[in-house]
């Protein structure tokens, strides 16, 4: 992976006005791989679909970031995919 943006929004990825989404969008426009993490499945997959249109890889993980074990599993999976 050339670049990675982890997004951990509090209330879901709300679109271009959300700083995490805006950051991920800039990276996606430059064909960087992007990692989205959110507990809201619907907005997560909507964001993944939008960002995938730029041609880079966009990984989406449904995860409650208050759960340390779940976050560790996401990080391990991302690291495994980047090898």
PDB file of N, CA and C in Angstrom:
ATOM      1  N   UNK A   1       0.834  -1.171   0.000  1.00  0.00           N
ATOM      2  CA  UNK A   1       0.000   0.000   0.000  1.00  0.00           C
ATOM      3  C   UNK A   1       0.883   1.240   0.000  1.00  0.00           C
ATOM      4  N   UNK A   2       0.576   2.152  -0.863  1.00  0.00           N
ATOM      5  CA  UNK A   2       1.382   3.356  -0.918  1.00  0.00           C
ATOM      6  C   UNK A   2       0.987   4.356   0.157  1.00  0.00           C
ATOM      7  N   UNK A   3      -0.276   4.512   0.411  1.00  0.00           N
ATOM      8  CA  UNK A   3      -0.782   5.430   1.434  1.00  0.00           C
ATOM      9  C   UNK A   3      -1.985   4.763   2.091  1.00  0.00           C
ATOM     10  N   UNK A   4      -2.195   5.060   3.343  1.00  0.00           N
ATOM     11  CA  UNK A   4      -3.352   4.492   4.024  1.00  0.00           C
ATOM     12  C   UNK A   4      -3.992   5.569   4.881  1.00  0.00           C
ATOM     13  N   UNK A   5      -5.298   5.679   4.787  1.00  0.00           N
ATOM     14  CA  UNK A   5      -6.046   6.593   5.646  1.00  0.00           C
ATOM     15  C   UNK A   5      -7.019   5.768   6.461  1.00  0.00           C
ATOM     16  N   UNK A   6      -6.876   5.809   7.761  1.00  0.00           N
ATOM     17  CA  UNK A   6      -7.835   5.161   8.642  1.00  0.00           C
ATOM     18  C   UNK A   6      -8.881   6.187   9.032  1.00  0.00           C
ATOM     19  N   UNK A   7     -10.140   5.849   8.878  1.00  0.00           N
ATOM     20  CA  UNK A   7     -11.213   6.761   9.258  1.00  0.00           C
ATOM     21  C   UNK A   7     -11.985   6.142  10.406  1.00  0.00           C
ATOM     22  N   UNK A   8     -12.081   6.869  11.497  1.00  0.00           N
ATOM     23  CA  UNK A   8     -12.804   6.422  12.674  1.00  0.00           C
ATOM     24  C   UNK A   8     -13.859   7.465  13.057  1.00  0.00           C
ATOM     25  N   UNK A   9     -14.892   7.659  12.257  1.00  0.00           N
ATOM     26  CA  UNK A   9     -15.882   8.686  12.591  1.00  0.00           C
ATOM     27  C   UNK A   9     -16.756   8.277  13.775  1.00  0.00           C
ATOM     28  N   UNK A  10     -17.194   9.260  14.516  1.00  0.00           N
ATOM     29  CA  UNK A  10     -18.033   9.030  15.686  1.00  0.00           C
ATOM     30  C   UNK A  10     -19.460   8.669  15.289  1.00  0.00           C
ATOM     31  N   UNK A  11     -20.013   9.388  14.322  1.00  0.00           N
ATOM     32  CA  UNK A  11     -21.422   9.199  13.956  1.00  0.00           C
ATOM     33  C   UNK A  11     -21.599   8.786  12.506  1.00  0.00           C
ATOM     34  N   UNK A  12     -20.694   8.025  11.989  1.00  0.00           N
ATOM     35  CA  UNK A  12     -20.817   7.569  10.611  1.00  0.00           C
ATOM     36  C   UNK A  12     -20.129   8.519   9.638  1.00  0.00           C
ATOM     37  N   UNK A  13     -19.817   8.005   8.491  1.00  0.00           N
ATOM     38  CA  UNK A  13     -19.187   8.811   7.451  1.00  0.00           C
ATOM     39  C   UNK A  13     -20.298   9.565   6.750  1.00  0.00           C
ATOM     40  N   UNK A  14     -20.298  10.864   6.921  1.00  0.00           N
ATOM     41  CA  UNK A  14     -21.438  11.637   6.447  1.00  0.00           C
ATOM     42  C   UNK A  14     -21.241  12.256   5.078  1.00  0.00           C
ATOM     43  N   UNK A  15     -20.129  12.041   4.456  1.00  0.00           N
ATOM     44  CA  UNK A  15     -19.921  12.575   3.118  1.00  0.00           C
ATOM     45  C   UNK A  15     -18.818  13.623   3.088  1.00  0.00           C
ATOM     46  N   UNK A  16     -18.795  14.430   2.049  1.00  0.00           N
ATOM     47  CA  UNK A  16     -17.680  15.341   1.804  1.00  0.00           C
ATOM     48  C   UNK A  16     -17.397  16.332   2.932  1.00  0.00           C
ATOM     49  N   UNK A  17     -18.350  16.625   3.780  1.00  0.00           N
ATOM     50  CA  UNK A  17     -18.111  17.584   4.856  1.00  0.00           C
ATOM     51  C   UNK A  17     -17.418  16.945   6.054  1.00  0.00           C
ATOM     52  N   UNK A  18     -17.347  15.639   6.090  1.00  0.00           N
ATOM     53  CA  UNK A  18     -16.685  14.940   7.189  1.00  0.00           C
ATOM     54  C   UNK A  18     -15.191  14.924   6.912  1.00  0.00           C
ATOM     55  N   UNK A  19     -14.394  15.366   7.872  1.00  0.00           N
ATOM     56  CA  UNK A  19     -12.952  15.506   7.639  1.00  0.00           C
ATOM     57  C   UNK A  19     -12.283  14.170   7.305  1.00  0.00           C
ATOM     58  N   UNK A  20     -12.759  13.088   7.923  1.00  0.00           N
ATOM     59  CA  UNK A  20     -12.188  11.779   7.612  1.00  0.00           C
ATOM     60  C   UNK A  20     -12.476  11.362   6.185  1.00  0.00           C
ATOM     61  N   UNK A  21     -13.716  11.581   5.753  1.00  0.00           N
ATOM     62  CA  UNK A  21     -14.077  11.248   4.378  1.00  0.00           C
ATOM     63  C   UNK A  21     -13.295  12.127   3.406  1.00  0.00           C
ATOM     64  N   UNK A  22     -13.188  13.415   3.711  1.00  0.00           N
ATOM     65  CA  UNK A  22     -12.470  14.330   2.823  1.00  0.00           C
ATOM     66  C   UNK A  22     -11.007  13.921   2.684  1.00  0.00           C
ATOM     67  N   UNK A  23     -10.397  13.507   3.781  1.00  0.00           N
ATOM     68  CA  UNK A  23      -9.005  13.045   3.744  1.00  0.00           C
ATOM     69  C   UNK A  23      -8.890  11.785   2.895  1.00  0.00           C
ATOM     70  N   UNK A  24      -9.789  10.841   3.129  1.00  0.00           N
ATOM     71  CA  UNK A  24      -9.771   9.594   2.358  1.00  0.00           C
ATOM     72  C   UNK A  24     -10.015   9.866   0.877  1.00  0.00           C
ATOM     73  N   UNK A  25     -10.886  10.813   0.580  1.00  0.00           N
ATOM     74  CA  UNK A  25     -11.183  11.124  -0.817  1.00  0.00           C
ATOM     75  C   UNK A  25      -9.958  11.689  -1.530  1.00  0.00           C
ATOM     76  N   UNK A  26      -9.237  12.563  -0.868  1.00  0.00           N
ATOM     77  CA  UNK A  26      -8.010  13.120  -1.475  1.00  0.00           C
ATOM     78  C   UNK A  26      -7.010  12.001  -1.756  1.00  0.00           C
ATOM     79  N   UNK A  27      -6.828  11.108  -0.792  1.00  0.00           N
ATOM     80  CA  UNK A  27      -5.904   9.991  -0.995  1.00  0.00           C
ATOM     81  C   UNK A  27      -6.386   9.074  -2.111  1.00  0.00           C
ATOM     82  N   UNK A  28      -7.680   8.793  -2.150  1.00  0.00           N
ATOM     83  CA  UNK A  28      -8.240   7.924  -3.194  1.00  0.00           C
ATOM     84  C   UNK A  28      -8.059   8.553  -4.577  1.00  0.00           C
ATOM     85  N   UNK A  29      -8.198   9.859  -4.654  1.00  0.00           N
ATOM     86  CA  UNK A  29      -8.005  10.554  -5.931  1.00  0.00           C
ATOM     87  C   UNK A  29      -6.572  10.412  -6.433  1.00  0.00           C
ATOM     88  N   UNK A  30      -5.654  10.168  -5.512  1.00  0.00           N
ATOM     89  CA  UNK A  30      -4.245   9.962  -5.879  1.00  0.00           C
ATOM     90  C   UNK A  30      -3.900   8.470  -5.929  1.00  0.00           C
ATOM     91  N   UNK A  31      -4.936   7.643  -6.027  1.00  0.00           N
ATOM     92  CA  UNK A  31      -4.804   6.193  -6.181  1.00  0.00           C
ATOM     93  C   UNK A  31      -4.106   5.514  -5.013  1.00  0.00           C
ATOM     94  N   UNK A  32      -4.252   6.083  -3.831  1.00  0.00           N
ATOM     95  CA  UNK A  32      -3.747   5.443  -2.618  1.00  0.00           C
ATOM     96  C   UNK A  32      -4.764   4.425  -2.126  1.00  0.00           C
ATOM     97  N   UNK A  33      -4.294   3.429  -1.425  1.00  0.00           N
ATOM     98  CA  UNK A  33      -5.196   2.494  -0.769  1.00  0.00           C
ATOM     99  C   UNK A  33      -5.751   3.176   0.470  1.00  0.00           C
ATOM    100  N   UNK A  34      -7.034   2.974   0.724  1.00  0.00           N
ATOM    101  CA  UNK A  34      -7.702   3.634   1.838  1.00  0.00           C
ATOM    102  C   UNK A  34      -8.387   2.584   2.697  1.00  0.00           C
ATOM    103  N   UNK A  35      -8.295   2.761   4.002  1.00  0.00           N
ATOM    104  CA  UNK A  35      -8.955   1.871   4.954  1.00  0.00           C
ATOM    105  C   UNK A  35     -10.012   2.672   5.694  1.00  0.00           C
ATOM    106  N   UNK A  36     -11.259   2.233   5.582  1.00  0.00           N
ATOM    107  CA  UNK A  36     -12.369   2.878   6.276  1.00  0.00           C
ATOM    108  C   UNK A  36     -12.792   1.999   7.441  1.00  0.00           C
ATOM    109  N   UNK A  37     -13.003   2.598   8.592  1.00  0.00           N
ATOM    110  CA  UNK A  37     -13.432   1.862   9.777  1.00  0.00           C
ATOM    111  C   UNK A  37     -14.579   2.628  10.408  1.00  0.00           C
ATOM    112  N   UNK A  38     -15.702   1.953  10.582  1.00  0.00           N
ATOM    113  CA  UNK A  38     -16.872   2.607  11.165  1.00  0.00           C
ATOM    114  C   UNK A  38     -17.793   1.540  11.727  1.00  0.00           C
ATOM    115  N   UNK A  39     -18.632   1.917  12.673  1.00  0.00           N
ATOM    116  CA  UNK A  39     -19.598   0.965  13.222  1.00  0.00           C
ATOM    117  C   UNK A  39     -20.918   1.035  12.464  1.00  0.00           C
ATOM    118  N   UNK A  40     -21.080   2.009  11.580  1.00  0.00           N
ATOM    119  CA  UNK A  40     -22.307   2.154  10.801  1.00  0.00           C
ATOM    120  C   UNK A  40     -22.096   1.527   9.425  1.00  0.00           C
ATOM    121  N   UNK A  41     -22.630   0.339   9.263  1.00  0.00           N
ATOM    122  CA  UNK A  41     -22.418  -0.439   8.035  1.00  0.00           C
ATOM    123  C   UNK A  41     -22.905   0.303   6.787  1.00  0.00           C
ATOM    124  N   UNK A  42     -24.066   0.917   6.861  1.00  0.00           N
ATOM    125  CA  UNK A  42     -24.660   1.567   5.691  1.00  0.00           C
ATOM    126  C   UNK A  42     -23.793   2.720   5.174  1.00  0.00           C
ATOM    127  N   UNK A  43     -23.409   3.621   6.058  1.00  0.00           N
ATOM    128  CA  UNK A  43     -22.597   4.754   5.608  1.00  0.00           C
ATOM    129  C   UNK A  43     -21.181   4.311   5.233  1.00  0.00           C
ATOM    130  N   UNK A  44     -20.693   3.299   5.903  1.00  0.00           N
ATOM    131  CA  UNK A  44     -19.366   2.764   5.594  1.00  0.00           C
ATOM    132  C   UNK A  44     -19.315   2.253   4.163  1.00  0.00           C
ATOM    133  N   UNK A  45     -20.271   1.430   3.786  1.00  0.00           N
ATOM    134  CA  UNK A  45     -20.254   0.854   2.439  1.00  0.00           C
ATOM    135  C   UNK A  45     -20.598   1.881   1.369  1.00  0.00           C
ATOM    136  N   UNK A  46     -21.378   2.887   1.730  1.00  0.00           N
ATOM    137  CA  UNK A  46     -21.659   3.979   0.783  1.00  0.00           C
ATOM    138  C   UNK A  46     -20.363   4.753   0.505  1.00  0.00           C
ATOM    139  N   UNK A  47     -19.611   5.029   1.548  1.00  0.00           N
ATOM    140  CA  UNK A  47     -18.332   5.728   1.380  1.00  0.00           C
ATOM    141  C   UNK A  47     -17.354   4.881   0.574  1.00  0.00           C
ATOM    142  N   UNK A  48     -17.335   3.572   0.859  1.00  0.00           N
ATOM    143  CA  UNK A  48     -16.450   2.674   0.114  1.00  0.00           C
ATOM    144  C   UNK A  48     -16.784   2.706  -1.374  1.00  0.00           C
ATOM    145  N   UNK A  49     -18.055   2.683  -1.686  1.00  0.00           N
ATOM    146  CA  UNK A  49     -18.475   2.714  -3.093  1.00  0.00           C
ATOM    147  C   UNK A  49     -18.043   4.022  -3.760  1.00  0.00           C
ATOM    148  N   UNK A  50     -18.259   5.134  -3.068  1.00  0.00           N
ATOM    149  CA  UNK A  50     -17.872   6.434  -3.624  1.00  0.00           C
ATOM    150  C   UNK A  50     -16.373   6.504  -3.874  1.00  0.00           C
ATOM    151  N   UNK A  51     -15.590   6.091  -2.900  1.00  0.00           N
ATOM    152  CA  UNK A  51     -14.142   6.217  -3.008  1.00  0.00           C
ATOM    153  C   UNK A  51     -13.543   5.219  -3.993  1.00  0.00           C
ATOM    154  N   UNK A  52     -14.183   4.074  -4.160  1.00  0.00           N
ATOM    155  CA  UNK A  52     -13.692   3.066  -5.108  1.00  0.00           C
ATOM    156  C   UNK A  52     -13.756   3.571  -6.546  1.00  0.00           C
ATOM    157  N   UNK A  53     -14.606   4.539  -6.797  1.00  0.00           N
ATOM    158  CA  UNK A  53     -14.756   5.063  -8.156  1.00  0.00           C
ATOM    159  C   UNK A  53     -13.481   5.744  -8.654  1.00  0.00           C
ATOM    160  N   UNK A  54     -12.556   6.057  -7.751  1.00  0.00           N
ATOM    161  CA  UNK A  54     -11.295   6.692  -8.154  1.00  0.00           C
ATOM    162  C   UNK A  54     -10.256   5.675  -8.625  1.00  0.00           C
ATOM    163  N   UNK A  55     -10.541   4.397  -8.451  1.00  0.00           N
ATOM    164  CA  UNK A  55      -9.675   3.369  -9.004  1.00  0.00           C
ATOM    165  C   UNK A  55      -8.721   2.693  -8.032  1.00  0.00           C
ATOM    166  N   UNK A  56      -8.557   3.215  -6.830  1.00  0.00           N
ATOM    167  CA  UNK A  56      -7.673   2.582  -5.854  1.00  0.00           C
ATOM    168  C   UNK A  56      -8.421   1.543  -5.036  1.00  0.00           C
ATOM    169  N   UNK A  57      -7.696   0.866  -4.180  1.00  0.00           N
ATOM    170  CA  UNK A  57      -8.315  -0.110  -3.289  1.00  0.00           C
ATOM    171  C   UNK A  57      -8.895   0.611  -2.080  1.00  0.00           C
ATOM    172  N   UNK A  58     -10.102   0.240  -1.717  1.00  0.00           N
ATOM    173  CA  UNK A  58     -10.750   0.812  -0.538  1.00  0.00           C
ATOM    174  C   UNK A  58     -11.256  -0.340   0.311  1.00  0.00           C
ATOM    175  N   UNK A  59     -10.657  -0.501   1.473  1.00  0.00           N
ATOM    176  CA  UNK A  59     -11.047  -1.556   2.401  1.00  0.00           C
ATOM    177  C   UNK A  59     -12.004  -0.969   3.427  1.00  0.00           C
ATOM    178  N   UNK A  60     -13.063  -1.687   3.722  1.00  0.00           N
ATOM    179  CA  UNK A  60     -14.057  -1.205   4.685  1.00  0.00           C
ATOM    180  C   UNK A  60     -14.223  -2.239   5.795  1.00  0.00           C
ATOM    181  N   UNK A  61     -14.159  -1.768   7.028  1.00  0.00           N
ATOM    182  CA  UNK A  61     -14.297  -2.633   8.197  1.00  0.00           C
ATOM    183  C   UNK A  61     -15.365  -2.083   9.126  1.00  0.00           C
ATOM    184  N   UNK A  62     -16.345  -2.908   9.421  1.00  0.00           N
ATOM    185  CA  UNK A  62     -17.328  -2.549  10.437  1.00  0.00           C
ATOM    186  C   UNK A  62     -16.701  -2.898  11.777  1.00  0.00           C
ATOM    187  N   UNK A  63     -16.534  -1.877  12.622  1.00  0.00           N
ATOM    188  CA  UNK A  63     -15.817  -2.081  13.880  1.00  0.00           C
ATOM    189  C   UNK A  63     -16.187  -0.976  14.859  1.00  0.00           C
ATOM    190  N   UNK A  64     -16.399  -1.357  16.097  1.00  0.00           N
ATOM    191  CA  UNK A  64     -16.590  -0.392  17.168  1.00  0.00           C
ATOM    192  C   UNK A  64     -15.200  -0.088  17.727  1.00  0.00           C
ATOM    193  N   UNK A  65     -14.727   1.128  17.518  1.00  0.00           N
ATOM    194  CA  UNK A  65     -13.350   1.452  17.892  1.00  0.00           C
ATOM    195  C   UNK A  65     -13.147   1.516  19.409  1.00  0.00           C
ATOM    196  N   UNK A  66     -14.213   1.387  20.165  1.00  0.00           N
ATOM    197  CA  UNK A  66     -14.074   1.304  21.627  1.00  0.00           C
ATOM    198  C   UNK A  66     -13.660  -0.104  22.059  1.00  0.00           C
ATOM    199  N   UNK A  67     -13.733  -1.047  21.126  1.00  0.00           N
ATOM    200  CA  UNK A  67     -13.378  -2.443  21.389  1.00  0.00           C
ATOM    201  C   UNK A  67     -11.933  -2.671  20.930  1.00  0.00           C
ATOM    202  N   UNK A  68     -11.025  -2.670  21.883  1.00  0.00           N
ATOM    203  CA  UNK A  68      -9.596  -2.757  21.556  1.00  0.00           C
ATOM    204  C   UNK A  68      -9.262  -4.009  20.751  1.00  0.00           C
ATOM    205  N   UNK A  69      -9.858  -5.128  21.103  1.00  0.00           N
ATOM    206  CA  UNK A  69      -9.583  -6.363  20.380  1.00  0.00           C
ATOM    207  C   UNK A  69     -10.044  -6.264  18.926  1.00  0.00           C
ATOM    208  N   UNK A  70     -11.206  -5.676  18.709  1.00  0.00           N
ATOM    209  CA  UNK A  70     -11.720  -5.521  17.347  1.00  0.00           C
ATOM    210  C   UNK A  70     -10.805  -4.615  16.520  1.00  0.00           C
ATOM    211  N   UNK A  71     -10.326  -3.548  17.129  1.00  0.00           N
ATOM    212  CA  UNK A  71      -9.405  -2.642  16.427  1.00  0.00           C
ATOM    213  C   UNK A  71      -8.107  -3.370  16.087  1.00  0.00           C
ATOM    214  N   UNK A  72      -7.593  -4.135  17.031  1.00  0.00           N
ATOM    215  CA  UNK A  72      -6.367  -4.901  16.772  1.00  0.00           C
ATOM    216  C   UNK A  72      -6.558  -5.877  15.620  1.00  0.00           C
ATOM    217  N   UNK A  73      -7.727  -6.490  15.528  1.00  0.00           N
ATOM    218  CA  UNK A  73      -8.008  -7.425  14.431  1.00  0.00           C
ATOM    219  C   UNK A  73      -8.029  -6.702  13.089  1.00  0.00           C
ATOM    220  N   UNK A  74      -8.598  -5.508  13.065  1.00  0.00           N
ATOM    221  CA  UNK A  74      -8.611  -4.718  11.831  1.00  0.00           C
ATOM    222  C   UNK A  74      -7.181  -4.379  11.423  1.00  0.00           C
ATOM    223  N   UNK A  75      -6.387  -3.913  12.369  1.00  0.00           N
ATOM    224  CA  UNK A  75      -4.997  -3.546  12.066  1.00  0.00           C
ATOM    225  C   UNK A  75      -4.213  -4.756  11.561  1.00  0.00           C
ATOM    226  N   UNK A  76      -4.383  -5.896  12.206  1.00  0.00           N
ATOM    227  CA  UNK A  76      -3.685  -7.110  11.751  1.00  0.00           C
ATOM    228  C   UNK A  76      -4.094  -7.496  10.342  1.00  0.00           C
ATOM    229  N   UNK A  77      -5.376  -7.388  10.025  1.00  0.00           N
ATOM    230  CA  UNK A  77      -5.848  -7.726   8.681  1.00  0.00           C
ATOM    231  C   UNK A  77      -5.267  -6.760   7.642  1.00  0.00           C
ATOM    232  N   UNK A  78      -5.255  -5.489   7.968  1.00  0.00           N
ATOM    233  CA  UNK A  78      -4.697  -4.495   7.043  1.00  0.00           C
ATOM    234  C   UNK A  78      -3.211  -4.763   6.821  1.00  0.00           C
ATOM    235  N   UNK A  79      -2.490  -5.025   7.906  1.00  0.00           N
ATOM    236  CA  UNK A  79      -1.058  -5.301   7.759  1.00  0.00           C
ATOM    237  C   UNK A  79      -0.816  -6.566   6.925  1.00  0.00           C
ATOM    238  N   UNK A  80      -1.645  -7.576   7.091  1.00  0.00           N
ATOM    239  CA  UNK A  80      -1.505  -8.810   6.311  1.00  0.00           C
ATOM    240  C   UNK A  80      -1.740  -8.532   4.824  1.00  0.00           C
ATOM    241  N   UNK A  81      -2.694  -7.676   4.520  1.00  0.00           N
ATOM    242  CA  UNK A  81      -2.988  -7.361   3.117  1.00  0.00           C
ATOM    243  C   UNK A  81      -1.910  -6.489   2.485  1.00  0.00           C
ATOM    244  N   UNK A  82      -1.152  -5.781   3.307  1.00  0.00           N
ATOM    245  CA  UNK A  82      -0.139  -4.882   2.750  1.00  0.00           C
ATOM    246  C   UNK A  82       1.194  -5.572   2.515  1.00  0.00           C
ATOM    247  N   UNK A  83       1.297  -6.814   2.907  1.00  0.00           N
ATOM    248  CA  UNK A  83       2.577  -7.540   2.737  1.00  0.00           C
ATOM    249  C   UNK A  83       2.685  -8.144   1.373  1.00  0.00           C
TER     250      UNK A  83
END
